[in-house]
Amino acid sequence: MRPLPPRSRSGAALAAALAVVVLVLAGCGLQPAGSYVPPVASGSIERIEGLPEDASVTVTSKNFTEQLILGKISVLASKAAGFEVTDLSNVPGSLPARELLRSGQADVMWEYTGTAWLTYLGNELGIPDQQEQWQAVYDADQANGLTWGAPAELNNTYAMAMSRKRAEELGVQSISDLANLPVQDLTFCVDAEFNSRQDGFNPMLALYGLNRGTVVPEQNVGIYDTGAIYGAVDQGECNVGEVFATDGRIDALDLVVLEDDRNFFPAYNAAPVIYTETLQKYPELEAVLEQVAAKLNDETMRSLNLRVDVQGEEPEQVAFDWMVAEGLVRPAE
């Protein structure tokens, strides 16, 4: 889930680690214990005409809340389209999940454009323009046997947030607005990685004219565990905190995401990625997943994540309820 990830390990060490994980996950064709989804019938996602009775796909995902929901959504969409589905969601780690897809042991996975560009494809800097970033990973991953479907609006990138009360008191709507605040109000909570990265907190401050050590004194910056930042902002321990744009705690705590009006943060739009050989066999699969992507944005994803992380619901039920509500599928009779 982490945008602006650490640099990847060496090729040999990475290949060995991936091989072990892939064998554990995919050996013998076993599905994980959490592979259940409610039965569905076609809604706006209709059964593909002429699809063979034995047509099958394997869906994978990473093992954090948002990815589990997106994985279950893909399972449900594929079932409604008429496929037999093997559910290999909940894979521990981005790289092992990616390897399942790249090796053809999985057919469908939701991925983030920035993650692919920086972590898998080895580029140093992300691309803030969302369409340009998607096109760049689409083009690059063709050589890896992967085809990116249409991206969703949901952009799970870094963001800066404030409590709604404090933002309204200080008249802040964008990151640029922070430059108008007195020094005592320029207080920040960030995690250790974002704080120290060459493409993280300090360059962001510099771009917005808030240079650290001069405009923003060192004592105004608190280093927190990532999950603790949300509560720290809510409780007033700092005015501005680093968050992830689709985290359900933003809504749960009524935080306000500040507009990144100078486009510092790279794009991390989610999109379905399909093993190209599978797409050549079942080209209609791309349009099935495109129906889903067209309905997902930051606000929607935050609300779905909230139901799991804050309200304790199961990802498969949250995915099912949303798809039924959107008319994508119907409950099976």
Protein backbone atom coordinates (compact mmCIF):
# COMPACT_ATOMS: atom_id res chain seq x y z
CA MET A 1 0.00 0.00 0.00
CA ARG A 2 2.95 2.27 0.47
CA PRO A 3 3.55 4.80 -2.30
CA LEU A 4 7.13 5.98 -2.84
CA PRO A 5 8.46 2.53 -1.85
CA PRO A 6 12.01 1.59 -0.86
CA ARG A 7 14.29 0.48 -3.69
CA SER A 8 13.92 -3.16 -4.70
CA ARG A 9 16.32 -5.86 -3.63
CA SER A 10 18.98 -7.31 -5.96
CA GLY A 11 17.69 -9.51 -8.77
CA ALA A 12 19.08 -12.81 -7.45
CA ALA A 13 17.86 -12.34 -3.91
CA LEU A 14 14.48 -11.13 -5.11
CA ALA A 15 14.03 -14.07 -7.47
CA ALA A 16 14.82 -16.55 -4.71
CA ALA A 17 12.38 -14.92 -2.29
CA LEU A 18 9.65 -14.80 -4.89
CA ALA A 19 10.15 -18.42 -5.87
CA VAL A 20 9.59 -19.61 -2.31
CA VAL A 21 6.46 -17.53 -1.81
CA VAL A 22 4.96 -18.45 -5.17
CA LEU A 23 5.50 -22.16 -4.55
CA VAL A 24 3.81 -21.91 -1.16
CA LEU A 25 0.84 -19.98 -2.52
CA ALA A 26 0.28 -21.67 -5.83
CA GLY A 27 1.43 -25.22 -5.19
CA CYS A 28 -1.15 -27.91 -5.80
CA GLY A 29 -3.72 -25.34 -6.93
CA LEU A 30 -4.93 -24.68 -3.39
CA GLN A 31 -7.06 -21.66 -2.59
CA PRO A 32 -6.59 -19.67 0.64
CA ALA A 33 -9.04 -20.11 3.51
CA GLY A 34 -10.59 -16.69 2.88
CA SER A 35 -11.63 -17.47 -0.71
CA TYR A 36 -15.40 -17.41 -0.07
CA VAL A 37 -17.59 -14.83 -1.78
CA PRO A 38 -21.40 -14.68 -1.80
CA PRO A 39 -22.99 -16.26 -4.89
CA VAL A 40 -23.97 -13.77 -7.60
CA ALA A 41 -25.95 -13.54 -10.81
CA SER A 42 -25.42 -11.17 -13.71
CA GLY A 43 -26.34 -7.51 -13.39
CA SER A 44 -24.89 -4.90 -15.73
CA ILE A 45 -21.97 -7.34 -15.89
CA GLU A 46 -23.53 -9.99 -18.12
CA ARG A 47 -22.35 -13.46 -18.90
CA ILE A 48 -19.99 -13.31 -21.86
CA GLU A 49 -21.76 -14.65 -24.93
CA GLY A 50 -20.21 -17.86 -26.21
CA LEU A 51 -17.92 -18.27 -23.20
CA PRO A 52 -16.94 -21.95 -22.86
CA GLU A 53 -18.38 -23.76 -19.84
CA ASP A 54 -14.88 -24.56 -18.59
CA ALA A 55 -13.53 -21.00 -18.95
CA SER A 56 -11.55 -20.11 -15.83
CA VAL A 57 -9.45 -17.31 -14.37
CA THR A 58 -7.36 -16.93 -11.23
CA VAL A 59 -7.56 -13.68 -9.28
CA THR A 60 -4.83 -12.51 -6.94
CA SER A 61 -4.33 -9.51 -4.63
CA LYS A 62 -2.03 -8.22 -1.93
CA ASN A 63 -2.95 -8.65 1.73
CA PHE A 64 -4.11 -5.24 2.93
CA THR A 65 -7.73 -4.10 3.20
CA GLU A 66 -8.10 -2.16 -0.03
CA GLN A 67 -6.47 -4.92 -2.06
CA LEU A 68 -8.63 -7.59 -0.44
CA ILE A 69 -11.76 -5.64 -1.38
CA LEU A 70 -10.55 -5.12 -4.95
CA GLY A 71 -9.62 -8.78 -5.19
CA LYS A 72 -13.08 -9.88 -4.07
CA ILE A 73 -14.65 -7.42 -6.50
CA SER A 74 -12.68 -9.05 -9.33
CA VAL A 75 -13.76 -12.51 -8.19
CA LEU A 76 -17.42 -11.48 -8.16
CA ALA A 77 -17.18 -9.68 -11.52
CA SER A 78 -15.51 -12.68 -13.13
CA LYS A 79 -18.11 -15.07 -11.73
CA ALA A 80 -20.94 -12.87 -13.02
CA ALA A 81 -19.29 -12.91 -16.45
CA GLY A 82 -19.41 -16.71 -16.45
CA PHE A 83 -15.91 -17.75 -15.40
CA GLU A 84 -14.93 -20.43 -12.94
CA VAL A 85 -12.72 -18.49 -10.54
CA THR A 86 -9.77 -19.52 -8.40
CA ASP A 87 -9.32 -16.98 -5.60
CA LEU A 88 -5.67 -16.37 -4.72
CA SER A 89 -6.23 -13.02 -3.02
CA ASN A 90 -4.49 -12.11 0.25
CA VAL A 91 -0.91 -12.70 -0.93
CA PRO A 92 1.64 -11.36 1.61
CA GLY A 93 3.55 -8.69 -0.27
CA SER A 94 3.47 -6.71 -3.49
CA LEU A 95 6.30 -8.52 -5.23
CA PRO A 96 4.99 -12.08 -4.69
CA ALA A 97 1.55 -11.07 -5.92
CA ARG A 98 3.09 -9.42 -8.96
CA GLU A 99 5.12 -12.56 -9.68
CA LEU A 100 2.00 -14.75 -9.64
CA LEU A 101 0.55 -12.52 -12.35
CA ARG A 102 3.74 -12.09 -14.37
CA SER A 103 4.38 -15.84 -14.41
CA GLY A 104 0.84 -16.65 -15.53
CA GLN A 105 -0.10 -18.40 -12.28
CA ALA A 106 -2.74 -15.68 -11.85
CA ASP A 107 -4.74 -13.89 -14.52
CA VAL A 108 -6.12 -10.75 -12.85
CA MET A 109 -4.84 -8.34 -10.19
CA TRP A 110 -5.53 -4.73 -9.29
CA GLU A 111 -2.33 -2.72 -9.17
CA TYR A 112 -1.30 0.90 -8.63
CA THR A 113 0.37 2.78 -11.46
CA GLY A 114 2.98 4.40 -9.22
CA THR A 115 3.86 1.10 -7.55
CA ALA A 116 4.48 -0.55 -10.90
CA TRP A 117 6.48 2.39 -12.23
CA LEU A 118 8.73 2.83 -9.19
CA THR A 119 8.95 -0.60 -7.58
CA TYR A 120 8.59 -3.14 -10.38
CA LEU A 121 9.89 -1.18 -13.35
CA GLY A 122 12.70 0.54 -11.45
CA ASN A 123 12.14 4.20 -12.30
CA GLU A 124 13.46 6.85 -9.95
CA LEU A 125 10.62 9.37 -10.13
CA GLY A 126 6.87 9.01 -10.45
CA ILE A 127 4.69 10.92 -12.90
CA PRO A 128 2.08 13.22 -11.29
CA ASP A 129 -0.21 13.30 -14.34
CA GLN A 130 -2.53 10.34 -13.87
CA GLN A 131 -3.13 9.51 -17.54
CA GLU A 132 0.55 9.87 -18.42
CA GLN A 133 1.53 7.59 -15.54
CA TRP A 134 -0.99 4.95 -16.60
CA GLN A 135 0.17 5.10 -20.21
CA ALA A 136 3.80 4.75 -19.14
CA VAL A 137 3.16 1.55 -17.16
CA TYR A 138 0.83 0.22 -19.86
CA ASP A 139 3.56 0.60 -22.45
CA ALA A 140 6.36 -0.78 -20.25
CA ASP A 141 4.46 -3.82 -18.99
CA GLN A 142 3.60 -5.04 -22.49
CA ALA A 143 7.11 -6.49 -22.54
CA ASN A 144 6.33 -8.36 -19.31
CA GLY A 145 3.29 -10.10 -20.75
CA LEU A 146 0.86 -7.90 -18.81
CA THR A 147 -1.92 -5.65 -20.07
CA TRP A 148 -3.24 -2.75 -17.99
CA GLY A 149 -6.98 -2.14 -18.17
CA ALA A 150 -8.59 1.29 -17.90
CA PRO A 151 -7.62 3.04 -14.64
CA ALA A 152 -10.05 3.98 -11.92
CA GLU A 153 -10.24 7.50 -10.56
CA LEU A 154 -9.17 6.20 -7.16
CA ASN A 155 -5.62 7.39 -6.56
CA ASN A 156 -4.08 5.84 -3.46
CA THR A 157 -1.16 8.22 -3.22
CA TYR A 158 0.31 10.12 -0.32
CA ALA A 159 -1.69 13.15 0.77
CA MET A 160 -1.64 15.78 3.49
CA ALA A 161 -4.68 16.05 5.74
CA MET A 162 -6.05 18.17 8.57
CA SER A 163 -8.98 17.87 10.94
CA ARG A 164 -12.00 19.54 9.40
CA LYS A 165 -12.38 21.88 12.37
CA ARG A 166 -8.78 23.04 12.22
CA ALA A 167 -8.76 23.42 8.44
CA GLU A 168 -11.84 25.62 8.61
CA GLU A 169 -10.42 27.67 11.50
CA LEU A 170 -7.20 28.33 9.59
CA GLY A 171 -8.79 28.71 6.16
CA VAL A 172 -6.75 25.92 4.57
CA GLN A 173 -7.98 23.96 1.53
CA SER A 174 -4.75 23.26 -0.36
CA ILE A 175 -1.12 22.61 0.51
CA SER A 176 -0.28 26.04 -0.92
CA ASP A 177 -2.55 27.63 1.71
CA LEU A 178 -0.17 26.43 4.43
CA ALA A 179 2.30 29.14 3.38
CA ASN A 180 -0.13 31.74 4.76
CA LEU A 181 -0.06 30.32 8.31
CA PRO A 182 2.05 31.66 11.18
CA VAL A 183 4.95 29.45 12.17
CA GLN A 184 3.26 28.15 15.32
CA ASP A 185 0.51 26.60 13.19
CA LEU A 186 2.87 24.88 10.72
CA THR A 187 3.06 21.62 12.65
CA PHE A 188 3.36 18.28 10.86
CA CYS A 189 3.12 14.56 11.64
CA VAL A 190 4.93 12.25 9.19
CA ASP A 191 6.31 8.73 9.26
CA ALA A 192 10.02 7.95 9.26
CA GLU A 193 10.19 6.79 5.64
CA PHE A 194 8.40 9.79 4.16
CA ASN A 195 10.46 12.07 6.41
CA SER A 196 13.79 10.83 5.08
CA ARG A 197 13.14 10.06 1.42
CA GLN A 198 14.79 12.13 -1.27
CA ASP A 199 11.39 12.33 -2.96
CA GLY A 200 9.40 12.73 0.26
CA PHE A 201 8.64 15.32 2.92
CA ASN A 202 11.52 17.79 2.48
CA PRO A 203 11.14 18.16 -1.32
CA MET A 204 7.39 18.59 -0.85
CA LEU A 205 7.96 21.40 1.63
CA ALA A 206 10.48 23.03 -0.71
CA LEU A 207 8.13 22.91 -3.69
CA TYR A 208 5.48 24.71 -1.65
CA GLY A 209 7.86 27.35 -0.26
CA LEU A 210 7.85 25.83 3.23
CA ASN A 211 11.53 24.99 3.52
CA ARG A 212 12.39 22.88 6.53
CA GLY A 213 14.62 24.54 9.11
CA THR A 214 13.64 28.05 8.06
CA VAL A 215 9.90 28.38 7.37
CA VAL A 216 9.15 25.11 9.19
CA PRO A 217 11.31 24.76 12.32
CA GLU A 218 12.60 21.29 13.13
CA GLN A 219 10.60 21.20 16.37
CA ASN A 220 7.40 21.55 14.32
CA VAL A 221 7.88 18.10 12.75
CA GLY A 222 6.84 14.99 14.67
CA ILE A 223 7.84 11.49 13.56
CA TYR A 224 5.07 8.92 14.08
CA ASP A 225 4.23 5.36 13.10
CA THR A 226 2.10 5.56 9.96
CA GLY A 227 -1.09 4.36 11.62
CA ALA A 228 -0.73 6.78 14.53
CA ILE A 229 -0.73 9.87 12.34
CA TYR A 230 -4.51 9.84 11.78
CA GLY A 231 -5.26 9.98 15.50
CA ALA A 232 -2.54 12.56 16.10
CA VAL A 233 -4.13 14.91 13.57
CA ASP A 234 -7.59 14.28 14.99
CA GLN A 235 -6.40 14.97 18.54
CA GLY A 236 -4.52 18.14 17.60
CA GLU A 237 -1.01 16.86 18.25
CA CYS A 238 -0.17 18.40 14.87
CA ASN A 239 -2.17 20.41 12.36
CA VAL A 240 -1.12 18.56 9.21
CA GLY A 241 -0.47 14.85 8.78
CA GLU A 242 0.75 12.56 6.02
CA VAL A 243 -1.99 10.10 5.04
CA PHE A 244 -2.93 7.72 2.24
CA ALA A 245 -5.68 9.20 0.09
CA THR A 246 -8.08 6.23 0.22
CA ASP A 247 -7.67 5.26 3.89
CA GLY A 248 -11.04 4.78 5.61
CA ARG A 249 -9.83 6.59 8.73
CA ILE A 250 -10.01 9.87 6.80
CA ASP A 251 -13.79 9.58 6.78
CA ALA A 252 -14.04 7.96 10.20
CA LEU A 253 -12.22 10.90 11.83
CA ASP A 254 -13.66 13.54 9.45
CA LEU A 255 -10.26 14.62 8.19
CA VAL A 256 -9.88 16.91 5.17
CA VAL A 257 -7.44 15.97 2.40
CA LEU A 258 -5.62 19.08 1.18
CA GLU A 259 -5.45 19.70 -2.54
CA ASP A 260 -2.01 18.97 -3.97
CA ASP A 261 -2.30 22.04 -6.18
CA ARG A 262 1.31 21.92 -7.40
CA ASN A 263 1.12 18.21 -8.27
CA PHE A 264 3.97 16.98 -6.09
CA PHE A 265 2.71 13.48 -5.38
CA PRO A 266 3.02 10.80 -8.08
CA ALA A 267 -0.12 9.15 -9.40
CA TYR A 268 -1.12 5.82 -7.84
CA ASN A 269 -4.32 5.07 -9.72
CA ALA A 270 -5.62 1.54 -9.33
CA ALA A 271 -6.29 -0.44 -12.49
CA PRO A 272 -6.96 -4.09 -13.31
CA VAL A 273 -3.91 -5.79 -14.79
CA ILE A 274 -4.48 -8.93 -16.88
CA TYR A 275 -2.05 -11.61 -17.98
CA THR A 276 -1.84 -10.89 -21.70
CA GLU A 277 -2.21 -14.51 -22.85
CA THR A 278 -5.43 -14.76 -20.83
CA LEU A 279 -6.71 -11.52 -22.36
CA GLN A 280 -5.96 -12.84 -25.85
CA LYS A 281 -8.03 -15.93 -25.02
CA TYR A 282 -10.88 -14.00 -23.37
CA PRO A 283 -10.74 -10.39 -24.72
CA GLU A 284 -14.16 -9.60 -23.22
CA LEU A 285 -12.62 -9.78 -19.73
CA GLU A 286 -11.14 -6.30 -20.12
CA ALA A 287 -14.57 -4.71 -20.64
CA VAL A 288 -15.95 -6.58 -17.61
CA LEU A 289 -13.31 -5.07 -15.34
CA GLU A 290 -13.62 -1.68 -17.00
CA GLN A 291 -17.21 -1.50 -15.74
CA VAL A 292 -15.86 -1.81 -12.21
CA ALA A 293 -13.03 0.69 -12.68
CA ALA A 294 -15.46 3.32 -13.96
CA LYS A 295 -17.25 3.35 -10.59
CA LEU A 296 -14.27 3.56 -8.22
CA ASN A 297 -12.91 6.84 -6.88
CA ASP A 298 -11.19 7.99 -3.67
CA GLU A 299 -14.41 8.68 -1.79
CA THR A 300 -15.93 5.32 -2.71
CA MET A 301 -12.81 3.42 -1.75
CA ARG A 302 -12.51 5.25 1.57
CA SER A 303 -16.08 4.27 2.41
CA LEU A 304 -15.42 0.62 1.56
CA ASN A 305 -12.14 0.54 3.49
CA LEU A 306 -13.88 2.13 6.48
CA ARG A 307 -16.44 -0.68 6.62
CA VAL A 308 -13.64 -3.21 7.00
CA ASP A 309 -11.03 -1.34 9.05
CA VAL A 310 -13.33 0.64 11.35
CA GLN A 311 -16.63 -1.24 11.37
CA GLY A 312 -15.15 -4.74 11.28
CA GLU A 313 -16.99 -6.13 8.25
CA GLU A 314 -15.54 -8.80 5.97
CA PRO A 315 -13.99 -7.68 2.64
CA GLU A 316 -16.05 -10.14 0.58
CA GLN A 317 -19.32 -8.86 2.05
CA VAL A 318 -18.32 -5.24 1.55
CA ALA A 319 -17.38 -5.99 -2.07
CA PHE A 320 -20.64 -7.87 -2.66
CA ASP A 321 -22.84 -5.16 -1.12
CA TRP A 322 -21.18 -2.44 -3.19
CA MET A 323 -21.46 -4.35 -6.45
CA VAL A 324 -25.13 -5.11 -5.82
CA ALA A 325 -25.81 -1.47 -4.91
CA GLU A 326 -24.12 -0.35 -8.14
CA GLY A 327 -26.13 -2.84 -10.18
CA LEU A 328 -23.01 -4.63 -11.40
CA VAL A 329 -24.26 -7.98 -10.07
CA ARG A 330 -27.39 -9.41 -8.44
CA PRO A 331 -27.67 -11.83 -5.52
CA ALA A 332 -28.03 -15.36 -6.82
CA GLU A 333 -31.53 -16.73 -6.35
